[in-house]
């Protein structure tokens, strides 16, 4: 279940081993992303691409969208 969290909670979760996932298209990810984030574009996010993630660790998903 998704939860909105603030940057302090993000820092805490990352320090505890959470995974950071950027869901922007690959070209936007390449232009700029948070260090340590993996890229799984939202349009490609599915059961198969999610296998790259460790199911035993929390996942933080983010997207920077100007809209």
Protein backbone atom coordinates (compact mmCIF):
# COMPACT_ATOMS: atom_id res chain seq x y z
CA UNK A 1 0.00 0.00 0.00
CA UNK A 2 1.53 3.38 -0.99
CA UNK A 3 2.25 6.03 1.61
CA UNK A 4 3.37 9.60 1.08
CA UNK A 5 6.51 10.37 3.11
CA UNK A 6 8.71 13.42 3.64
CA UNK A 7 12.44 13.74 3.00
CA UNK A 8 13.36 12.96 6.62
CA UNK A 9 11.52 9.65 6.41
CA UNK A 10 13.18 8.94 3.05
CA UNK A 11 16.63 9.50 4.56
CA UNK A 12 15.77 7.22 7.48
CA UNK A 13 14.44 4.46 5.24
CA UNK A 14 17.45 4.65 2.92
CA UNK A 15 19.80 4.43 5.90
CA UNK A 16 17.96 1.25 6.89
CA UNK A 17 18.36 -0.31 3.42
CA UNK A 18 15.29 0.80 1.45
CA UNK A 19 15.42 0.71 -2.35
CA UNK A 20 14.95 3.92 -4.32
CA UNK A 21 13.17 3.65 -7.68
CA UNK A 22 12.90 6.49 -10.21
CA UNK A 23 9.95 5.87 -12.56
CA UNK A 24 10.74 8.56 -15.12
CA UNK A 25 11.57 7.59 -18.73
CA UNK A 26 15.18 6.45 -19.18
CA UNK A 27 16.34 9.64 -20.93
CA UNK A 28 15.07 11.81 -18.08
CA UNK A 29 16.63 9.45 -15.53
CA UNK A 30 19.96 9.69 -17.34
CA UNK A 31 19.77 13.50 -17.35
CA UNK A 32 19.23 13.73 -13.60
CA UNK A 33 18.34 11.37 -10.78
CA UNK A 34 18.99 10.85 -7.10
CA UNK A 35 22.25 8.98 -6.49
CA UNK A 36 21.64 5.31 -5.80
CA UNK A 37 18.24 5.21 -7.49
CA UNK A 38 17.44 2.51 -10.02
CA UNK A 39 15.33 3.32 -13.04
CA UNK A 40 12.20 1.39 -13.87
CA UNK A 41 10.11 3.66 -16.12
CA UNK A 42 6.48 3.78 -15.06
CA UNK A 43 5.30 2.56 -18.47
CA UNK A 44 7.58 -0.47 -18.08
CA UNK A 45 6.79 -1.17 -14.43
CA UNK A 46 5.19 -4.58 -14.14
CA UNK A 47 5.60 -7.88 -12.34
CA UNK A 48 8.60 -8.83 -14.51
CA UNK A 49 10.55 -5.56 -14.19
CA UNK A 50 9.83 -5.44 -10.46
CA UNK A 51 11.84 -8.66 -10.03
CA UNK A 52 14.92 -6.39 -10.00
CA UNK A 53 13.81 -5.31 -6.53
CA UNK A 54 14.39 -7.17 -3.28
CA UNK A 55 10.94 -8.12 -1.94
CA UNK A 56 12.30 -8.12 1.62
CA UNK A 57 13.30 -4.44 1.59
CA UNK A 58 11.06 -1.35 1.53
CA UNK A 59 10.71 0.40 -1.83
CA UNK A 60 10.58 4.17 -2.27
CA UNK A 61 9.21 5.20 -5.67
CA UNK A 62 9.58 8.75 -6.92
CA UNK A 63 8.92 10.78 -10.02
CA UNK A 64 9.73 14.39 -10.74
CA UNK A 65 7.00 15.71 -13.01
CA UNK A 66 6.53 19.39 -13.81
CA UNK A 67 2.81 18.98 -14.42
